[in-house]
Amino acid sequence: MDQILKLQHEDLEMDLVTHKVCRGAQSLDLTTKEFDLLEYLLRHSGRVVSREMLAHDVWHATARATPLDNVIDVTIARLRRKVDEPYERKLLHTVRGLGYLLSGRQA
């Protein structure tokens, strides 16, 4: 079985071995949680992921707690600043009432 070593969406690349993330020629400095969140979004690229999915699969929450929503939102906001802020083309979108989407097109 082939193991995936790199994930990519448009000009955003993640090396799962070295834990390096780049957008274009720019290296991104991510925290461990931001890296885990971005890896999840890259693996679900083009699909909306809900807070429920993120709480379960990224934060490994067994019981759903509303306070985790704020943690997810803050982490998404920090990740969005690093991944999208310097670039004209935005990749990380909020789909109101549903969740988040990594896509080159606005949801």
C-alpha atoms as a PDB file:
ATOM      1  CA  MET A   1       0.000   0.000   0.000  1.00  0.00           C
ATOM      2  CA  ASP A   2       1.347   3.438  -0.954  1.00  0.00           C
ATOM      3  CA  GLN A   3       1.567   5.921   1.873  1.00  0.00           C
ATOM      4  CA  ILE A   4       0.691   9.534   1.126  1.00  0.00           C
ATOM      5  CA  LEU A   5       3.639  11.733   2.034  1.00  0.00           C
ATOM      6  CA  LYS A   6       2.423  15.068   0.660  1.00  0.00           C
ATOM      7  CA  LEU A   7      -0.941  16.759   0.395  1.00  0.00           C
ATOM      8  CA  GLN A   8      -1.665  19.594  -2.006  1.00  0.00           C
ATOM      9  CA  HIS A   9      -4.497  21.904  -2.970  1.00  0.00           C
ATOM     10  CA  GLU A  10      -3.697  24.451  -5.655  1.00  0.00           C
ATOM     11  CA  ASP A  11      -0.500  26.229  -4.483  1.00  0.00           C
ATOM     12  CA  LEU A  12      -0.826  24.988  -0.879  1.00  0.00           C
ATOM     13  CA  GLU A  13       1.467  22.055  -0.079  1.00  0.00           C
ATOM     14  CA  MET A  14       1.950  20.008   3.072  1.00  0.00           C
ATOM     15  CA  ASP A  15       4.781  17.545   3.640  1.00  0.00           C
ATOM     16  CA  LEU A  16       3.576  14.978   6.172  1.00  0.00           C
ATOM     17  CA  VAL A  17       7.102  13.703   6.857  1.00  0.00           C
ATOM     18  CA  THR A  18       8.889  16.987   7.524  1.00  0.00           C
ATOM     19  CA  HIS A  19       5.755  18.852   8.721  1.00  0.00           C
ATOM     20  CA  LYS A  20       6.550  21.714   6.345  1.00  0.00           C
ATOM     21  CA  VAL A  21       3.736  23.715   4.815  1.00  0.00           C
ATOM     22  CA  CYS A  22       4.125  26.145   1.921  1.00  0.00           C
ATOM     23  CA  ARG A  23       1.799  28.315  -0.072  1.00  0.00           C
ATOM     24  CA  GLY A  24       3.530  29.127  -3.319  1.00  0.00           C
ATOM     25  CA  ALA A  25       7.133  29.909  -2.406  1.00  0.00           C
ATOM     26  CA  GLN A  26       6.182  31.084   1.106  1.00  0.00           C
ATOM     27  CA  SER A  27       6.794  28.747   4.047  1.00  0.00           C
ATOM     28  CA  LEU A  28       4.012  28.816   6.687  1.00  0.00           C
ATOM     29  CA  ASP A  29       4.796  28.554  10.385  1.00  0.00           C
ATOM     30  CA  LEU A  30       1.949  26.529  11.924  1.00  0.00           C
ATOM     31  CA  THR A  31       1.316  25.296  15.444  1.00  0.00           C
ATOM     32  CA  THR A  32       0.755  21.561  15.912  1.00  0.00           C
ATOM     33  CA  LYS A  33      -3.034  22.029  16.098  1.00  0.00           C
ATOM     34  CA  GLU A  34      -3.070  24.307  13.027  1.00  0.00           C
ATOM     35  CA  PHE A  35      -1.059  21.661  11.155  1.00  0.00           C
ATOM     36  CA  ASP A  36      -3.517  18.924  12.214  1.00  0.00           C
ATOM     37  CA  LEU A  37      -6.477  21.096  11.211  1.00  0.00           C
ATOM     38  CA  LEU A  38      -4.983  21.970   7.833  1.00  0.00           C
ATOM     39  CA  GLU A  39      -4.123  18.306   7.186  1.00  0.00           C
ATOM     40  CA  TYR A  40      -7.763  17.403   7.864  1.00  0.00           C
ATOM     41  CA  LEU A  41      -8.993  20.160   5.554  1.00  0.00           C
ATOM     42  CA  LEU A  42      -6.569  19.078   2.824  1.00  0.00           C
ATOM     43  CA  ARG A  43      -7.716  15.464   3.115  1.00  0.00           C
ATOM     44  CA  HIS A  44     -11.318  16.709   2.751  1.00  0.00           C
ATOM     45  CA  SER A  45     -10.515  19.311   0.104  1.00  0.00           C
ATOM     46  CA  GLY A  46     -13.570  20.448  -1.839  1.00  0.00           C
ATOM     47  CA  ARG A  47     -15.958  19.142   0.827  1.00  0.00           C
ATOM     48  CA  VAL A  48     -17.588  21.053   3.669  1.00  0.00           C
ATOM     49  CA  VAL A  49     -16.415  19.907   7.097  1.00  0.00           C
ATOM     50  CA  SER A  50     -18.596  20.684  10.095  1.00  0.00           C
ATOM     51  CA  ARG A  51     -17.513  21.745  13.564  1.00  0.00           C
ATOM     52  CA  GLU A  52     -18.814  18.372  14.714  1.00  0.00           C
ATOM     53  CA  MET A  53     -16.391  16.578  12.361  1.00  0.00           C
ATOM     54  CA  LEU A  54     -13.503  18.799  13.463  1.00  0.00           C
ATOM     55  CA  ALA A  55     -14.304  18.331  17.159  1.00  0.00           C
ATOM     56  CA  HIS A  56     -14.358  14.559  16.730  1.00  0.00           C
ATOM     57  CA  ASP A  57     -11.541  14.022  14.228  1.00  0.00           C
ATOM     58  CA  VAL A  58      -9.057  16.825  14.993  1.00  0.00           C
ATOM     59  CA  TRP A  59      -9.676  17.585  18.673  1.00  0.00           C
ATOM     60  CA  HIS A  60     -10.653  13.952  19.452  1.00  0.00           C
ATOM     61  CA  ALA A  61     -13.603  15.076  21.584  1.00  0.00           C
ATOM     62  CA  THR A  62     -15.745  12.147  22.658  1.00  0.00           C
ATOM     63  CA  ALA A  63     -18.610  14.261  23.994  1.00  0.00           C
ATOM     64  CA  ARG A  64     -19.739  17.281  22.003  1.00  0.00           C
ATOM     65  CA  ALA A  65     -19.338  20.434  24.037  1.00  0.00           C
ATOM     66  CA  THR A  66     -20.351  23.895  22.854  1.00  0.00           C
ATOM     67  CA  PRO A  67     -17.243  25.566  24.383  1.00  0.00           C
ATOM     68  CA  LEU A  68     -15.133  23.703  21.813  1.00  0.00           C
ATOM     69  CA  ASP A  69     -16.887  25.668  19.033  1.00  0.00           C
ATOM     70  CA  ASN A  70     -15.021  28.816  20.079  1.00  0.00           C
ATOM     71  CA  VAL A  71     -11.677  26.970  20.120  1.00  0.00           C
ATOM     72  CA  ILE A  72     -12.360  25.649  16.616  1.00  0.00           C
ATOM     73  CA  ASP A  73     -13.391  29.091  15.353  1.00  0.00           C
ATOM     74  CA  VAL A  74     -10.284  30.756  16.832  1.00  0.00           C
ATOM     75  CA  THR A  75      -7.979  28.097  15.371  1.00  0.00           C
ATOM     76  CA  ILE A  76      -9.670  28.433  11.955  1.00  0.00           C
ATOM     77  CA  ALA A  77      -9.221  32.230  12.139  1.00  0.00           C
ATOM     78  CA  ARG A  78      -5.494  31.890  12.965  1.00  0.00           C
ATOM     79  CA  LEU A  79      -5.034  29.344  10.184  1.00  0.00           C
ATOM     80  CA  ARG A  80      -6.932  31.551   7.721  1.00  0.00           C
ATOM     81  CA  ARG A  81      -4.595  34.492   8.517  1.00  0.00           C
ATOM     82  CA  LYS A  82      -1.561  32.338   7.738  1.00  0.00           C
ATOM     83  CA  VAL A  83      -2.930  30.541   4.683  1.00  0.00           C
ATOM     84  CA  ASP A  84      -5.009  33.274   3.033  1.00  0.00           C
ATOM     85  CA  GLU A  85      -4.291  36.780   4.323  1.00  0.00           C
ATOM     86  CA  PRO A  86      -1.221  37.562   2.179  1.00  0.00           C
ATOM     87  CA  TYR A  87      -2.847  36.146  -0.978  1.00  0.00           C
ATOM     88  CA  GLU A  88      -5.472  37.504  -3.339  1.00  0.00           C
ATOM     89  CA  ARG A  89      -6.940  34.032  -3.981  1.00  0.00           C
ATOM     90  CA  LYS A  90      -8.559  32.718  -0.788  1.00  0.00           C
ATOM     91  CA  LEU A  91      -8.654  28.971  -0.140  1.00  0.00           C
ATOM     92  CA  LEU A  92     -10.297  28.612   3.287  1.00  0.00           C
ATOM     93  CA  HIS A  93     -13.989  29.529   3.336  1.00  0.00           C
ATOM     94  CA  THR A  94     -16.755  29.524   5.922  1.00  0.00           C
ATOM     95  CA  VAL A  95     -19.995  27.967   4.707  1.00  0.00           C
ATOM     96  CA  ARG A  96     -22.568  29.644   6.907  1.00  0.00           C
ATOM     97  CA  GLY A  97     -24.539  27.205   9.027  1.00  0.00           C
ATOM     98  CA  LEU A  98     -22.559  24.205   7.746  1.00  0.00           C
ATOM     99  CA  GLY A  99     -18.839  24.514   8.450  1.00  0.00           C
ATOM    100  CA  TYR A 100     -15.630  25.137   6.554  1.00  0.00           C
ATOM    101  CA  LEU A 101     -14.414  24.437   3.048  1.00  0.00           C
ATOM    102  CA  LEU A 102     -10.933  24.316   1.518  1.00  0.00           C
ATOM    103  CA  SER A 103     -11.515  25.317  -2.079  1.00  0.00           C
ATOM    104  CA  GLY A 104     -10.285  27.783  -4.668  1.00  0.00           C
ATOM    105  CA  ARG A 105     -13.881  28.870  -5.248  1.00  0.00           C
ATOM    106  CA  GLN A 106     -16.060  30.796  -2.824  1.00  0.00           C
ATOM    107  CA  ALA A 107     -18.807  28.583  -1.381  1.00  0.00           C
END
